[in-house]
Structure formats: structure tokens, C-alpha cells
């Protein structure tokens, strides 16, 4: 049954893509840039100035985005300026209104926006392109309640599932769903993990979901509390989740990240870079090639550089890639959807 659901999902993706490719309307460029193009003796040909939306200044997107921007600025003719933002929703809005050229988004939010589903079900699907998938962001489910050992044990419990419009909430709903539960089976608390940590510590909150790169400092601080534990996902329910919601991937949180006794089995979404459809091909080529041809330099500046993998970058299949990205993948003989 789940295999059939998955088959229908993929068929619908293909139909959606054909419709978008047949009806896409290019946005009118808001301003013209005078660019002198030089093609001799240089591997890059564009001199575009791109704005990259990231995240909060204290967050991973902003920090890593600045590392990537410095490398691109140093190794190509394309210039990238990093801008902070409140959340992925603001990033998508900036792409839609033309105030940004590139943006970090989680893969699930990207898929919702492109399809016009879930958070975007009452809006027109957005037109943008994928550039690269960068690294995984695991769904981390924690509790300090000794009676909670599995997802089923969340039934009737007070659980933080992120803010109302966050991808964390929908990650929680997806996971609850494959275990036969829903938002109505728990007492949901809509707040960020930083805001709910005290509730977990004093017992007024039973469990919490958070989707973020591990190790997360707020979880590390909580790990010394009595009865603290992660809730793992079992293999059967993980497989069911991947069949119905293929923008997730299996993920393992290494025990050493939080000084645990065993690894934690969970799922993850990926941190993705998207761009406007009208961003020049040469600039996107410069952007992606500068990143993946200089991974060692980026890794020296930030630990996430070690996670960069061109094949993983080309693994997105719910949103079409920008021509500048496909040019790079084709040069490297990397298959993409």
C-alpha cells in the first residue's frame, strides 16, 4: 500500500514539473546591471552581485553562509552578500519579491512552497530553482519523562512541536502520523526549543521536537537533567515515513555528540540553497563550483565544510535545478533528477 502511495507521489511530481516547465513565466528584472564580460584566460564569466538570505545571526545558516560567501567572492567573479533573516518563510518571500537572489531553506519547506502544499496550501505554488543540497538537519525528539520511551508514549502528553508556522511542527505531524497518532492525540505546545527547555527541565513539558543540526547547544545543556533521553524511530516506521514523505532521509545522531550510551535513529531534512529562476546561469555556476571545488578551504573555516558532497548536492528531486547547477553537475558527470 505504501509502495503504491510512493508511486503516485512520484507520478504527481512529474506532472507538476511538466506543468511548471510549460507555464513558467519569468519575473521582470527589477534593475539592469552594467557588466563587462571577459571570457579570455578566466574560468568564470559573470560579475553578478547576489544577495544570499540565511537565518538568524546566531544561527547555523548565517554562520555557514558567510563562510561560503567569502569563498565565492575570493575564487570567482561573482559577488555574494549575506543577509540575516528571521526564518525560511522570510527567505522564500525575499526570493518571490526579488529582494534576494539565493536563500537557505530546509528541503521540506522548499517542497511545500514549490508544490503549494501544507504551509502554502492556500497560495500559488512558487517558481524557483534548486542550487544544491548542503547538509542534513536531523529531527531530534527529546524527553525528561521516564515514562516516555517511544513515539507511541507521546499519546496524551504535553509536547512542544515548534511554532505554528515552523517546519518543526510539520515534521512532528508527519512522524506522529506514521505511528497512528495526530496533533489531536497530544497536548501541543507551539514554541521554539529554546523557549521550551525550561519546561522539559522542570517536568511541566513531557517532550519536544526540534529540527536542527546536531549537536544543538540547548540540547547539550539539557542532557545533564535526570531521565533525559532521545526518542529513537524504529526501522519499520522510518521506512513508512520515507515511503509517504520522500523529502526525508534516514539519519543517525552519533552517541558521542551528546555523550549518550547509544546512537539515535531518526530522520532528517536537508539544508538547501535555492535561487530565483532568472538568476544568471554563470553566477549560479560560479556559486556552486566555487563551493565544491574549494571544500578543503571551506572545511578549514567551518566544520560543516566536511559535509559538502557534490553527489548529495545533486540529490534533490522535488524541485528542478537551475541551469547553472546542472552545468556543473554535467561537467563532473554527476547524475541529477
Protein backbone atom coordinates (compact mmCIF):
# COMPACT_ATOMS: atom_id res chain seq x y z
CA UNK A 1 0.00 0.00 0.00
CA UNK A 2 2.76 2.42 0.93
CA UNK A 3 4.66 1.50 -2.21
CA UNK A 4 1.62 2.49 -4.26
CA UNK A 5 1.36 5.80 -2.36
CA UNK A 6 5.00 6.46 -3.10
CA UNK A 7 4.48 5.63 -6.78
CA UNK A 8 1.58 8.08 -7.00
CA UNK A 9 3.67 10.71 -5.22
CA UNK A 10 6.46 10.45 -7.80
CA UNK A 11 3.98 10.48 -10.73
CA UNK A 12 2.42 13.64 -9.35
CA UNK A 13 5.86 15.22 -9.00
CA UNK A 14 6.50 14.56 -12.69
CA UNK A 15 3.12 16.03 -13.66
CA UNK A 16 3.76 19.10 -11.51
CA UNK A 17 7.14 19.64 -13.07
CA UNK A 18 5.80 19.37 -16.62
CA UNK A 19 3.10 21.94 -15.80
CA UNK A 20 5.64 24.33 -14.30
CA UNK A 21 8.03 23.99 -17.22
CA UNK A 22 5.20 24.62 -19.69
CA UNK A 23 3.72 27.60 -17.88
CA UNK A 24 6.62 29.23 -16.07
CA UNK A 25 6.72 32.99 -16.57
CA UNK A 26 9.99 34.74 -15.98
CA UNK A 27 9.87 37.60 -13.47
CA UNK A 28 10.70 41.04 -14.89
CA UNK A 29 14.17 42.12 -13.79
CA UNK A 30 13.87 44.94 -11.25
CA UNK A 31 17.04 46.64 -12.32
CA UNK A 32 19.69 46.33 -15.02
CA UNK A 33 23.33 45.86 -14.18
CA UNK A 34 26.11 47.06 -16.45
CA UNK A 35 28.53 44.16 -16.62
CA UNK A 36 31.69 43.85 -18.66
CA UNK A 37 32.07 40.20 -19.59
CA UNK A 38 35.56 38.83 -20.14
CA UNK A 39 35.85 35.27 -21.39
CA UNK A 40 39.58 35.09 -22.07
CA UNK A 41 42.00 33.43 -19.64
CA UNK A 42 39.33 33.11 -16.91
CA UNK A 43 37.25 30.14 -15.69
CA UNK A 44 34.31 32.39 -14.74
CA UNK A 45 32.50 34.84 -16.97
CA UNK A 46 29.97 36.73 -14.87
CA UNK A 47 30.37 39.62 -12.49
CA UNK A 48 26.98 39.46 -10.81
CA UNK A 49 26.20 40.71 -7.32
CA UNK A 50 23.96 38.24 -5.49
CA UNK A 51 22.16 38.52 -2.14
CA UNK A 52 22.04 35.31 -0.07
CA UNK A 53 19.33 35.09 2.61
CA UNK A 54 20.39 32.88 5.52
CA UNK A 55 18.93 32.90 9.05
CA UNK A 56 19.28 34.49 12.45
CA UNK A 57 22.72 35.94 13.13
CA UNK A 58 23.33 33.43 15.92
CA UNK A 59 22.24 30.51 13.75
CA UNK A 60 23.96 27.93 11.55
CA UNK A 61 22.62 29.23 8.22
CA UNK A 62 24.03 32.72 8.79
CA UNK A 63 27.38 31.47 10.07
CA UNK A 64 27.94 28.94 7.27
CA UNK A 65 26.50 31.28 4.66
CA UNK A 66 29.21 33.83 5.45
CA UNK A 67 31.90 31.17 5.03
CA UNK A 68 30.50 30.18 1.64
CA UNK A 69 30.17 33.80 0.53
CA UNK A 70 33.80 34.58 1.39
CA UNK A 71 34.99 31.61 -0.67
CA UNK A 72 32.84 32.52 -3.66
CA UNK A 73 33.96 36.16 -3.51
CA UNK A 74 37.61 35.09 -3.33
CA UNK A 75 37.54 32.48 -6.10
CA UNK A 76 35.12 33.83 -8.73
CA UNK A 77 33.88 36.97 -10.43
CA UNK A 78 30.51 36.57 -8.74
CA UNK A 79 29.99 38.60 -5.57
CA UNK A 80 27.74 37.29 -2.76
CA UNK A 81 26.40 39.45 0.06
CA UNK A 82 24.93 37.63 3.07
CA UNK A 83 21.72 38.85 4.70
CA UNK A 84 20.28 37.67 8.01
CA UNK A 85 16.61 36.70 8.30
CA UNK A 86 14.08 35.56 10.86
CA UNK A 87 13.18 32.21 9.28
CA UNK A 88 12.84 30.27 6.00
CA UNK A 89 9.46 31.87 5.34
CA UNK A 90 11.13 35.28 5.13
CA UNK A 91 13.75 33.78 2.82
CA UNK A 92 11.08 32.45 0.45
CA UNK A 93 9.33 35.82 0.46
CA UNK A 94 12.60 37.53 -0.46
CA UNK A 95 13.06 35.14 -3.39
CA UNK A 96 9.46 35.73 -4.50
CA UNK A 97 9.62 39.53 -4.36
CA UNK A 98 13.07 39.75 -5.94
CA UNK A 99 14.86 41.29 -2.97
CA UNK A 100 17.20 38.28 -2.76
CA UNK A 101 18.81 36.01 -5.34
CA UNK A 102 19.66 32.99 -3.18
CA UNK A 103 18.32 31.55 0.07
CA UNK A 104 18.81 28.78 2.60
CA UNK A 105 15.67 26.69 3.21
CA UNK A 106 15.00 23.22 4.66
CA UNK A 107 14.11 20.67 1.99
CA UNK A 108 10.60 20.08 3.33
CA UNK A 109 9.71 23.80 3.35
CA UNK A 110 11.18 24.08 -0.14
CA UNK A 111 8.94 21.25 -1.35
CA UNK A 112 5.81 22.71 0.30
CA UNK A 113 6.45 26.11 -1.33
CA UNK A 114 7.12 24.68 -4.77
CA UNK A 115 4.02 22.47 -4.70
CA UNK A 116 1.73 24.95 -2.96
CA UNK A 117 1.00 22.46 -0.17
CA UNK A 118 0.90 22.30 3.65
CA UNK A 119 2.09 25.75 4.81
CA UNK A 120 1.40 27.10 1.32
CA UNK A 121 -1.83 25.26 0.52
CA UNK A 122 -3.83 28.48 0.05
CA UNK A 123 -1.19 30.16 -2.09
CA UNK A 124 0.01 29.82 -5.65
CA UNK A 125 2.99 27.48 -5.97
CA UNK A 126 6.24 29.44 -6.06
CA UNK A 127 8.61 29.37 -9.00
CA UNK A 128 12.25 28.99 -8.07
CA UNK A 129 15.10 26.58 -8.75
CA UNK A 130 17.30 24.38 -6.61
CA UNK A 131 21.04 25.02 -6.46
CA UNK A 132 22.42 22.43 -4.04
CA UNK A 133 21.68 20.32 -1.01
CA UNK A 134 24.38 21.08 1.56
CA UNK A 135 24.00 19.03 4.76
CA UNK A 136 21.46 17.13 6.85
CA UNK A 137 19.34 18.56 9.69
CA UNK A 138 18.04 15.72 11.88
CA UNK A 139 14.69 15.72 13.66
CA UNK A 140 15.66 15.47 17.34
CA UNK A 141 12.99 14.28 19.79
CA UNK A 142 13.87 14.56 23.48
CA UNK A 143 12.21 13.98 26.85
CA UNK A 144 12.99 14.05 30.54
CA UNK A 145 9.90 12.00 31.43
CA UNK A 146 10.98 8.48 32.48
CA UNK A 147 7.68 7.01 31.26
CA UNK A 148 8.29 8.05 27.65
CA UNK A 149 10.41 5.59 25.68
CA UNK A 150 8.80 5.63 22.23
CA UNK A 151 6.69 7.83 19.94
CA UNK A 152 3.56 5.91 20.98
CA UNK A 153 4.19 7.04 24.56
CA UNK A 154 3.55 10.66 23.50
CA UNK A 155 -0.19 9.92 23.32
CA UNK A 156 -1.91 12.29 25.76
CA UNK A 157 1.35 14.02 26.69
CA UNK A 158 2.27 17.71 26.55
CA UNK A 159 4.69 18.05 23.65
CA UNK A 160 6.45 21.07 22.11
CA UNK A 161 6.31 20.84 18.30
CA UNK A 162 7.73 24.21 17.29
CA UNK A 163 5.87 27.35 16.34
CA UNK A 164 2.65 27.15 14.32
CA UNK A 165 4.28 28.05 11.00
CA UNK A 166 7.55 26.17 11.53
CA UNK A 167 8.75 23.13 9.64
CA UNK A 168 9.34 21.51 13.05
CA UNK A 169 5.59 21.32 13.58
CA UNK A 170 5.04 19.53 10.29
CA UNK A 171 7.99 17.21 10.91
CA UNK A 172 6.31 16.27 14.19
CA UNK A 173 2.92 15.77 12.49
CA UNK A 174 4.50 13.53 9.82
CA UNK A 175 6.23 11.36 12.41
CA UNK A 176 3.16 11.12 14.64
CA UNK A 177 1.11 10.15 11.59
CA UNK A 178 3.11 7.04 10.71
CA UNK A 179 2.78 5.92 14.34
CA UNK A 180 -1.01 6.22 14.14
CA UNK A 181 -1.14 9.46 16.11
CA UNK A 182 -2.04 13.03 15.20
CA UNK A 183 -1.75 16.53 16.63
CA UNK A 184 -5.06 15.86 18.41
CA UNK A 185 -3.57 12.89 20.31
CA UNK A 186 -1.06 15.10 22.12
CA UNK A 187 -1.31 18.36 24.04
CA UNK A 188 0.66 20.52 21.60
CA UNK A 189 2.79 23.44 22.71
CA UNK A 190 3.74 25.84 19.92
CA UNK A 191 7.09 27.35 20.84
CA UNK A 192 10.74 27.16 19.87
CA UNK A 193 13.05 24.68 21.56
CA UNK A 194 14.93 27.44 23.37
CA UNK A 195 11.62 28.56 24.88
CA UNK A 196 10.54 25.08 25.95
CA UNK A 197 13.81 23.88 27.50
CA UNK A 198 12.83 25.06 30.99
CA UNK A 199 9.56 23.14 30.76
CA UNK A 200 11.42 19.93 29.95
CA UNK A 201 13.77 20.59 32.84
CA UNK A 202 11.06 21.19 35.46
CA UNK A 203 8.68 18.49 34.17
CA UNK A 204 5.87 20.81 33.05
CA UNK A 205 6.53 19.64 29.48
CA UNK A 206 6.82 15.96 28.56
CA UNK A 207 8.75 16.03 25.29
CA UNK A 208 9.91 18.27 22.46
CA UNK A 209 10.69 18.09 18.75
CA UNK A 210 13.41 20.21 17.17
CA UNK A 211 14.84 20.06 13.64
CA UNK A 212 18.39 21.36 13.68
CA UNK A 213 21.98 20.44 13.09
CA UNK A 214 23.48 18.31 15.88
CA UNK A 215 24.87 18.85 18.40
CA UNK A 216 22.48 21.61 19.41
CA UNK A 217 23.77 23.63 22.40
CA UNK A 218 20.31 23.82 24.01
CA UNK A 219 20.05 20.02 23.98
CA UNK A 220 23.60 19.63 25.25
CA UNK A 221 22.69 21.86 28.22
CA UNK A 222 19.60 19.73 28.87
CA UNK A 223 21.41 16.40 28.70
CA UNK A 224 22.56 16.61 32.32
CA UNK A 225 18.95 16.58 33.60
CA UNK A 226 17.78 13.36 35.27
CA UNK A 227 15.91 10.97 32.95
CA UNK A 228 16.96 12.89 29.85
CA UNK A 229 16.75 10.75 26.73
CA UNK A 230 16.30 10.86 22.98
CA UNK A 231 13.34 9.08 21.42
CA UNK A 232 14.52 6.93 18.52
CA UNK A 233 12.45 5.93 15.50
CA UNK A 234 12.24 2.20 14.76
CA UNK A 235 13.05 0.81 11.31
CA UNK A 236 9.50 -0.11 10.25
CA UNK A 237 8.04 3.31 11.00
CA UNK A 238 11.04 5.07 9.48
CA UNK A 239 10.53 3.12 6.25
CA UNK A 240 6.84 4.03 6.28
CA UNK A 241 7.72 7.70 6.72
CA UNK A 242 10.19 7.67 3.81
CA UNK A 243 7.63 5.99 1.55
CA UNK A 244 5.00 8.67 2.11
CA UNK A 245 7.26 11.71 2.63
CA UNK A 246 10.36 11.17 0.44
CA UNK A 247 11.97 14.53 1.26
CA UNK A 248 13.18 12.89 4.49
CA UNK A 249 16.32 10.76 4.77
CA UNK A 250 17.44 8.27 7.39
CA UNK A 251 19.75 9.86 9.92
CA UNK A 252 21.80 8.71 12.89
CA UNK A 253 22.77 11.03 15.72
CA UNK A 254 26.11 9.73 16.91
CA UNK A 255 26.15 8.94 20.63
CA UNK A 256 29.32 10.98 21.06
CA UNK A 257 27.56 14.20 20.07
CA UNK A 258 25.64 14.28 23.35
CA UNK A 259 27.61 11.78 25.43
CA UNK A 260 24.87 9.15 25.05
CA UNK A 261 25.16 5.40 25.57
CA UNK A 262 23.83 4.52 22.10
CA UNK A 263 23.27 6.19 18.75
CA UNK A 264 19.86 7.70 17.98
CA UNK A 265 17.91 6.61 14.89
CA UNK A 266 15.85 9.40 13.35
CA UNK A 267 15.13 11.13 10.04
CA UNK A 268 16.42 14.38 8.63
CA UNK A 269 15.67 17.06 6.11
CA UNK A 270 18.47 18.78 4.24
CA UNK A 271 19.65 22.38 4.26
CA UNK A 272 19.20 23.53 0.67
CA UNK A 273 20.17 26.59 -1.36
CA UNK A 274 17.51 27.82 -3.80
CA UNK A 275 17.57 30.68 -6.29
CA UNK A 276 15.26 32.76 -8.45
CA UNK A 277 14.68 31.31 -11.91
CA UNK A 278 16.04 34.47 -13.54
CA UNK A 279 19.39 34.45 -11.72
CA UNK A 280 22.11 34.38 -14.43
CA UNK A 281 23.37 30.90 -15.25
CA UNK A 282 27.02 31.97 -14.99
CA UNK A 283 26.53 33.30 -11.47
CA UNK A 284 24.95 30.08 -10.23
CA UNK A 285 27.68 28.07 -11.94
CA UNK A 286 30.29 30.24 -10.19
CA UNK A 287 28.44 29.86 -6.88
CA UNK A 288 28.25 26.07 -6.92
CA UNK A 289 31.65 25.41 -8.49
CA UNK A 290 33.39 27.73 -6.03
CA UNK A 291 31.86 25.79 -3.14
CA UNK A 292 32.61 22.26 -4.31
CA UNK A 293 35.99 22.97 -5.86
CA UNK A 294 37.20 24.58 -2.62
CA UNK A 295 35.80 22.21 0.01
CA UNK A 296 39.12 21.90 1.84
CA UNK A 297 39.39 25.66 2.33
CA UNK A 298 35.77 25.84 3.47
CA UNK A 299 36.30 22.95 5.89
CA UNK A 300 39.27 24.75 7.41
CA UNK A 301 36.93 27.68 8.12
CA UNK A 302 33.85 25.73 9.27
CA UNK A 303 33.17 22.12 10.31
CA UNK A 304 30.16 21.88 8.00
CA UNK A 305 32.54 22.05 5.06
CA UNK A 306 33.33 18.39 5.71
CA UNK A 307 29.68 17.56 4.95
CA UNK A 308 29.77 19.07 1.45
CA UNK A 309 29.39 16.36 -1.19
CA UNK A 310 28.65 17.06 -4.89
CA UNK A 311 26.58 13.88 -5.23
CA UNK A 312 24.48 14.84 -2.21
CA UNK A 313 24.17 18.35 -3.66
CA UNK A 314 22.57 16.80 -6.76
CA UNK A 315 20.10 14.61 -4.83
CA UNK A 316 17.09 16.99 -4.85
CA UNK A 317 14.19 15.64 -6.90
CA UNK A 318 11.13 17.63 -5.73
CA UNK A 319 12.28 20.90 -7.33
CA UNK A 320 14.15 21.30 -10.66
CA UNK A 321 17.73 22.51 -10.64
CA UNK A 322 18.84 25.87 -12.01
CA UNK A 323 20.73 25.68 -15.33
CA UNK A 324 23.91 26.92 -13.65
CA UNK A 325 23.81 24.00 -11.23
CA UNK A 326 23.10 21.40 -13.92
CA UNK A 327 26.01 22.75 -15.96
CA UNK A 328 28.35 22.00 -13.05
CA UNK A 329 26.87 18.54 -12.41
CA UNK A 330 27.14 17.63 -16.09
CA UNK A 331 30.79 18.73 -16.19
CA UNK A 332 31.50 16.43 -13.25
CA UNK A 333 29.36 13.54 -14.59
CA UNK A 334 27.15 13.71 -11.51
CA UNK A 335 23.61 12.42 -12.12
CA UNK A 336 20.73 14.65 -11.04
CA UNK A 337 16.94 14.50 -11.25
